[in-house]
C-alpha atoms as a PDB file:
ATOM      1  CA  ARG A   1     -40.289 -14.923   1.325  1.00  0.00           C
ATOM      2  CA  GLU A   2     -38.816 -12.867  -1.517  1.00  0.00           C
ATOM      3  CA  ALA A   3     -42.045 -10.888  -1.915  1.00  0.00           C
ATOM      4  CA  SER A   4     -42.165 -10.169   1.814  1.00  0.00           C
ATOM      5  CA  ASP A   5     -38.560  -8.915   1.709  1.00  0.00           C
ATOM      6  CA  VAL A   6     -39.524  -6.537  -1.102  1.00  0.00           C
ATOM      7  CA  MET A   7     -42.558  -5.332   0.849  1.00  0.00           C
ATOM      8  CA  ILE A   8     -40.485  -4.766   3.992  1.00  0.00           C
ATOM      9  CA  ARG A   9     -37.920  -2.736   2.029  1.00  0.00           C
ATOM     10  CA  GLU A  10     -40.696  -0.693   0.435  1.00  0.00           C
ATOM     11  CA  VAL A  11     -42.351   0.003   3.797  1.00  0.00           C
ATOM     12  CA  ASP A  12     -38.937   1.056   5.146  1.00  0.00           C
ATOM     13  CA  ARG A  13     -38.461   3.364   2.156  1.00  0.00           C
ATOM     14  CA  LEU A  14     -41.898   4.940   2.596  1.00  0.00           C
ATOM     15  CA  ASP A  15     -41.266   5.353   6.309  1.00  0.00           C
ATOM     16  CA  ARG A  16     -37.972   7.081   5.490  1.00  0.00           C
ATOM     17  CA  VAL A  17     -39.652   9.419   2.954  1.00  0.00           C
ATOM     18  CA  ILE A  18     -42.366  10.423   5.430  1.00  0.00           C
ATOM     19  CA  GLY A  19     -39.764  10.846   8.162  1.00  0.00           C
ATOM     20  CA  GLU A  20     -37.684  13.074   5.876  1.00  0.00           C
ATOM     21  CA  LEU A  21     -40.684  15.249   5.056  1.00  0.00           C
ATOM     22  CA  LEU A  22     -41.529  15.645   8.732  1.00  0.00           C
ATOM     23  CA  TYR A  23     -37.920  16.236   9.723  1.00  0.00           C
ATOM     24  CA  TYR A  24     -37.367  18.867   7.072  1.00  0.00           C
ATOM     25  CA  ALA A  25     -40.509  20.729   8.134  1.00  0.00           C
ATOM     26  CA  ARG A  26     -39.363  20.889  11.790  1.00  0.00           C
ATOM     27  CA  PRO A  27     -36.512  22.935  13.217  1.00  0.00           C
ATOM     28  CA  SER A  28     -33.335  21.001  14.052  1.00  0.00           C
ATOM     29  CA  GLU A  29     -32.879  20.153  17.693  1.00  0.00           C
ATOM     30  CA  LEU A  30     -29.661  18.283  18.270  1.00  0.00           C
ATOM     31  CA  LYS A  31     -29.280  15.798  21.115  1.00  0.00           C
ATOM     32  CA  VAL A  32     -25.534  16.180  21.478  1.00  0.00           C
ATOM     33  CA  LYS A  33     -23.593  13.400  23.198  1.00  0.00           C
ATOM     34  CA  THR A  34     -19.953  12.526  23.578  1.00  0.00           C
ATOM     35  CA  THR A  35     -19.404  10.169  20.659  1.00  0.00           C
ATOM     36  CA  ASP A  36     -16.682   7.902  19.334  1.00  0.00           C
ATOM     37  CA  ILE A  37     -16.968   8.918  15.684  1.00  0.00           C
ATOM     38  CA  ASN A  38     -15.258   5.743  14.423  1.00  0.00           C
ATOM     39  CA  GLU A  39     -17.646   3.501  16.305  1.00  0.00           C
ATOM     40  CA  MET A  40     -20.650   5.467  15.012  1.00  0.00           C
ATOM     41  CA  ILE A  41     -19.436   5.358  11.387  1.00  0.00           C
ATOM     42  CA  GLU A  42     -18.616   1.660  11.618  1.00  0.00           C
ATOM     43  CA  HIS A  43     -22.157   0.978  12.859  1.00  0.00           C
ATOM     44  CA  SER A  44     -23.675   3.056  10.018  1.00  0.00           C
ATOM     45  CA  VAL A  45     -21.599   1.159   7.439  1.00  0.00           C
ATOM     46  CA  ARG A  46     -22.891  -2.157   8.807  1.00  0.00           C
ATOM     47  CA  LEU A  47     -26.478  -0.943   8.258  1.00  0.00           C
ATOM     48  CA  VAL A  48     -25.990  -0.695   4.465  1.00  0.00           C
ATOM     49  CA  GLN A  49     -23.591  -3.635   4.059  1.00  0.00           C
ATOM     50  CA  GLN A  50     -26.264  -6.082   2.873  1.00  0.00           C
ATOM     51  CA  ASP A  51     -27.819  -3.597   0.439  1.00  0.00           C
ATOM     52  CA  ALA A  52     -24.377  -2.862  -1.019  1.00  0.00           C
ATOM     53  CA  LYS A  53     -23.455  -6.529  -1.267  1.00  0.00           C
ATOM     54  CA  SER A  54     -26.679  -7.345  -3.124  1.00  0.00           C
ATOM     55  CA  LYS A  55     -25.704  -4.703  -5.731  1.00  0.00           C
ATOM     56  CA  ASN A  56     -22.109  -5.926  -6.084  1.00  0.00           C
ATOM     57  CA  ILE A  57     -20.705  -2.912  -4.222  1.00  0.00           C
ATOM     58  CA  GLU A  58     -17.677  -3.272  -2.017  1.00  0.00           C
ATOM     59  CA  ILE A  59     -17.552  -1.013   1.045  1.00  0.00           C
ATOM     60  CA  LEU A  60     -14.104   0.070   2.174  1.00  0.00           C
ATOM     61  CA  TRP A  61     -14.152   1.611   5.675  1.00  0.00           C
ATOM     62  CA  THR A  62     -10.935   3.186   6.960  1.00  0.00           C
ATOM     63  CA  GLY A  63     -11.226   4.532  10.490  1.00  0.00           C
ATOM     64  CA  ASN A  64      -8.704   6.737  12.206  1.00  0.00           C
ATOM     65  CA  ASP A  65      -8.212   5.499  15.768  1.00  0.00           C
ATOM     66  CA  SER A  66      -6.339   8.665  16.736  1.00  0.00           C
ATOM     67  CA  LEU A  67      -9.489  10.805  16.489  1.00  0.00           C
ATOM     68  CA  PRO A  68     -10.722  11.944  19.889  1.00  0.00           C
ATOM     69  CA  ASP A  69     -14.317  11.591  21.021  1.00  0.00           C
ATOM     70  CA  THR A  70     -16.374  14.620  20.070  1.00  0.00           C
ATOM     71  CA  LYS A  71     -19.770  16.104  20.851  1.00  0.00           C
ATOM     72  CA  ILE A  72     -22.302  15.429  18.096  1.00  0.00           C
ATOM     73  CA  ASP A  73     -25.848  14.143  17.765  1.00  0.00           C
ATOM     74  CA  PRO A  74     -25.041  10.535  16.795  1.00  0.00           C
ATOM     75  CA  ASP A  75     -28.552   9.766  15.515  1.00  0.00           C
ATOM     76  CA  ARG A  76     -28.713  12.818  13.232  1.00  0.00           C
ATOM     77  CA  PHE A  77     -25.119  12.376  12.086  1.00  0.00           C
ATOM     78  CA  SER A  78     -25.796   8.732  11.308  1.00  0.00           C
ATOM     79  CA  GLN A  79     -28.854   9.830   9.307  1.00  0.00           C
ATOM     80  CA  CYS A  80     -26.563  12.039   7.188  1.00  0.00           C
ATOM     81  CA  LEU A  81     -24.186   9.175   6.547  1.00  0.00           C
ATOM     82  CA  LEU A  82     -27.002   6.793   5.622  1.00  0.00           C
ATOM     83  CA  ASN A  83     -28.459   9.314   3.167  1.00  0.00           C
ATOM     84  CA  LEU A  84     -25.045   9.696   1.523  1.00  0.00           C
ATOM     85  CA  TYR A  85     -24.391   5.926   1.456  1.00  0.00           C
ATOM     86  CA  LEU A  86     -27.787   5.186  -0.096  1.00  0.00           C
ATOM     87  CA  ASN A  87     -27.291   7.866  -2.758  1.00  0.00           C
ATOM     88  CA  ALA A  88     -23.871   6.397  -3.536  1.00  0.00           C
ATOM     89  CA  ILE A  89     -25.263   2.866  -3.767  1.00  0.00           C
ATOM     90  CA  GLN A  90     -28.005   4.065  -6.144  1.00  0.00           C
ATOM     91  CA  ALA A  91     -25.382   5.816  -8.307  1.00  0.00           C
ATOM     92  CA  MET A  92     -23.459   2.542  -8.797  1.00  0.00           C
ATOM     93  CA  GLU A  93     -25.910   0.562 -10.905  1.00  0.00           C
ATOM     94  CA  GLN A  94     -23.168  -1.753 -12.227  1.00  0.00           C
ATOM     95  CA  GLY A  95     -21.502  -2.308  -8.853  1.00  0.00           C
ATOM     96  CA  GLY A  96     -18.409  -0.513  -7.631  1.00  0.00           C
ATOM     97  CA  LYS A  97     -16.685   0.734  -4.502  1.00  0.00           C
ATOM     98  CA  LEU A  98     -17.976   2.872  -1.661  1.00  0.00           C
ATOM     99  CA  SER A  99     -15.094   4.229   0.410  1.00  0.00           C
ATOM    100  CA  VAL A 100     -15.657   5.780   3.824  1.00  0.00           C
ATOM    101  CA  ARG A 101     -12.837   7.335   5.831  1.00  0.00           C
ATOM    102  CA  ASP A 102     -12.324   9.878   8.562  1.00  0.00           C
ATOM    103  CA  TYR A 103      -9.417  12.044   9.642  1.00  0.00           C
ATOM    104  CA  MET A 104      -8.487  15.310  11.332  1.00  0.00           C
ATOM    105  CA  SER A 105      -8.057  18.377   9.104  1.00  0.00           C
ATOM    106  CA  ASP A 106      -5.352  20.993   9.606  1.00  0.00           C
ATOM    107  CA  ASN A 107      -8.103  23.257  11.027  1.00  0.00           C
ATOM    108  CA  ARG A 108      -8.933  20.776  13.826  1.00  0.00           C
ATOM    109  CA  GLU A 109     -12.097  19.590  12.137  1.00  0.00           C
ATOM    110  CA  ILE A 110     -13.168  15.994  11.929  1.00  0.00           C
ATOM    111  CA  VAL A 111     -13.574  15.135   8.258  1.00  0.00           C
ATOM    112  CA  VAL A 112     -15.685  12.233   7.032  1.00  0.00           C
ATOM    113  CA  GLU A 113     -15.313  11.344   3.350  1.00  0.00           C
ATOM    114  CA  ILE A 114     -17.812   9.257   1.432  1.00  0.00           C
ATOM    115  CA  GLU A 115     -16.535   8.405  -2.041  1.00  0.00           C
ATOM    116  CA  ASP A 116     -18.214   6.290  -4.697  1.00  0.00           C
ATOM    117  CA  THR A 117     -17.276   5.010  -8.134  1.00  0.00           C
ATOM    118  CA  GLY A 118     -20.727   5.774  -9.535  1.00  0.00           C
ATOM    119  CA  LYS A 119     -21.924   7.752 -12.509  1.00  0.00           C
ATOM    120  CA  GLY A 120     -21.150  11.160 -10.990  1.00  0.00           C
ATOM    121  CA  ILE A 121     -23.236  14.317 -10.762  1.00  0.00           C
ATOM    122  CA  ASP A 122     -23.628  16.659 -13.706  1.00  0.00           C
ATOM    123  CA  GLN A 123     -21.801  19.965 -13.110  1.00  0.00           C
ATOM    124  CA  ASP A 124     -25.004  21.937 -13.773  1.00  0.00           C
ATOM    125  CA  ASP A 125     -26.736  20.009 -10.962  1.00  0.00           C
ATOM    126  CA  LEU A 126     -23.935  20.324  -8.382  1.00  0.00           C
ATOM    127  CA  GLU A 127     -24.969  23.800  -7.242  1.00  0.00           C
ATOM    128  CA  LYS A 128     -28.575  22.634  -6.715  1.00  0.00           C
ATOM    129  CA  ILE A 129     -28.149  19.260  -4.995  1.00  0.00           C
ATOM    130  CA  PHE A 130     -28.614  20.647  -1.469  1.00  0.00           C
ATOM    131  CA  ASP A 131     -31.780  22.567  -2.423  1.00  0.00           C
ATOM    132  CA  PRO A 132     -34.980  21.101  -0.965  1.00  0.00           C
ATOM    133  CA  TYR A 133     -37.023  19.088  -3.470  1.00  0.00           C
ATOM    134  CA  PHE A 134     -34.302  19.100  -6.150  1.00  0.00           C
ATOM    135  CA  THR A 135     -33.827  15.583  -7.485  1.00  0.00           C
ATOM    136  CA  THR A 136     -32.608  13.848 -10.611  1.00  0.00           C
ATOM    137  CA  LYS A 137     -34.174  10.534  -9.571  1.00  0.00           C
ATOM    138  CA  PRO A 138     -37.576   9.554 -10.953  1.00  0.00           C
ATOM    139  CA  SER A 139     -38.791   8.434  -7.508  1.00  0.00           C
ATOM    140  CA  GLY A 140     -36.724  10.753  -5.296  1.00  0.00           C
ATOM    141  CA  THR A 141     -38.145  13.345  -2.902  1.00  0.00           C
ATOM    142  CA  GLY A 142     -35.230  15.746  -3.188  1.00  0.00           C
ATOM    143  CA  LEU A 143     -34.941  15.916   0.593  1.00  0.00           C
ATOM    144  CA  GLY A 144     -32.040  13.565   1.379  1.00  0.00           C
ATOM    145  CA  LEU A 145     -29.181  15.961   0.629  1.00  0.00           C
ATOM    146  CA  ALA A 146     -31.135  18.974   1.906  1.00  0.00           C
ATOM    147  CA  ILE A 147     -31.459  17.162   5.237  1.00  0.00           C
ATOM    148  CA  VAL A 148     -27.759  16.270   5.224  1.00  0.00           C
ATOM    149  CA  HIS A 149     -26.928  19.944   4.685  1.00  0.00           C
ATOM    150  CA  LYS A 150     -29.322  21.074   7.437  1.00  0.00           C
ATOM    151  CA  ILE A 151     -27.982  18.595  10.012  1.00  0.00           C
ATOM    152  CA  ILE A 152     -24.336  19.371   9.289  1.00  0.00           C
ATOM    153  CA  GLU A 153     -25.005  23.122   9.531  1.00  0.00           C
ATOM    154  CA  ALA A 154     -26.762  22.540  12.871  1.00  0.00           C
ATOM    155  CA  HIS A 155     -23.442  20.985  14.017  1.00  0.00           C
ATOM    156  CA  ASN A 156     -21.665  24.210  12.891  1.00  0.00           C
ATOM    157  CA  GLY A 157     -20.090  22.167  10.131  1.00  0.00           C
ATOM    158  CA  ARG A 158     -20.125  22.144   6.365  1.00  0.00           C
ATOM    159  CA  VAL A 159     -20.435  19.623   3.572  1.00  0.00           C
ATOM    160  CA  THR A 160     -18.685  19.767   0.214  1.00  0.00           C
ATOM    161  CA  VAL A 161     -18.960  17.710  -2.941  1.00  0.00           C
ATOM    162  CA  VAL A 162     -16.649  17.012  -5.865  1.00  0.00           C
ATOM    163  CA  SER A 163     -17.893  14.927  -8.762  1.00  0.00           C
ATOM    164  CA  THR A 164     -16.655  13.740 -12.133  1.00  0.00           C
ATOM    165  CA  MET A 165     -19.115  12.295 -14.625  1.00  0.00           C
ATOM    166  CA  GLY A 166     -18.404   8.635 -15.242  1.00  0.00           C
ATOM    167  CA  LYS A 167     -15.906   8.390 -12.357  1.00  0.00           C
ATOM    168  CA  GLY A 168     -17.775   9.113  -9.157  1.00  0.00           C
ATOM    169  CA  THR A 169     -18.430  11.543  -6.345  1.00  0.00           C
ATOM    170  CA  VAL A 170     -16.781  12.512  -3.056  1.00  0.00           C
ATOM    171  CA  PHE A 171     -18.756  14.111  -0.239  1.00  0.00           C
ATOM    172  CA  ARG A 172     -16.757  15.589   2.639  1.00  0.00           C
ATOM    173  CA  ILE A 173     -18.350  16.462   5.957  1.00  0.00           C
ATOM    174  CA  PHE A 174     -16.375  18.865   8.163  1.00  0.00           C
ATOM    175  CA  ILE A 175     -17.344  19.048  11.829  1.00  0.00           C
ATOM    176  CA  PRO A 176     -15.480  21.356  14.252  1.00  0.00           C
ATOM    177  CA  LEU A 177     -13.871  19.266  16.974  1.00  0.00           C
ATOM    178  CA  GLN A 178     -15.619  19.732  20.299  1.00  0.00           C
ATOM    179  CA  GLN A 179     -13.482  17.676  22.599  1.00  0.00           C
ATOM    180  CA  VAL A 180     -14.798  16.411  25.883  1.00  0.00           C
END
């Protein structure tokens, strides 16, 4: 049973890598729908809950119920969140906390923050992390963050990162509010 679980996870990982390669090679076509951002984030957090728990990582999700529904591609946006969560989980080898929250900025943008207590990103690497094929992981493809950047830009948004070595990293996704 344990071996089959490992094989299933590995097949899922390979499927994700191939999917990322194919996605990055194609132009972005968003399938925009009216979306409850809190509901979508909560669902994405549930998808990584077991992986986080097995690595002694606590996930803290703080939703903002006052956020209005907005028009986004929920599948692509969820893909961004999953890429960021998985990177955060990999950065916390000794366990830690993954905090996810959303709120409205002063500029009427929906902001989603993903913060980890991992090892952080070296300052020299920060300017390159969104470049395709740049990776610091021995088995990484270097496409995860490039895809995040591409999807968020397709939403007319932006993504920022702040990191401190030994303390962790905060990614912020800013999406202009497109109320329905």
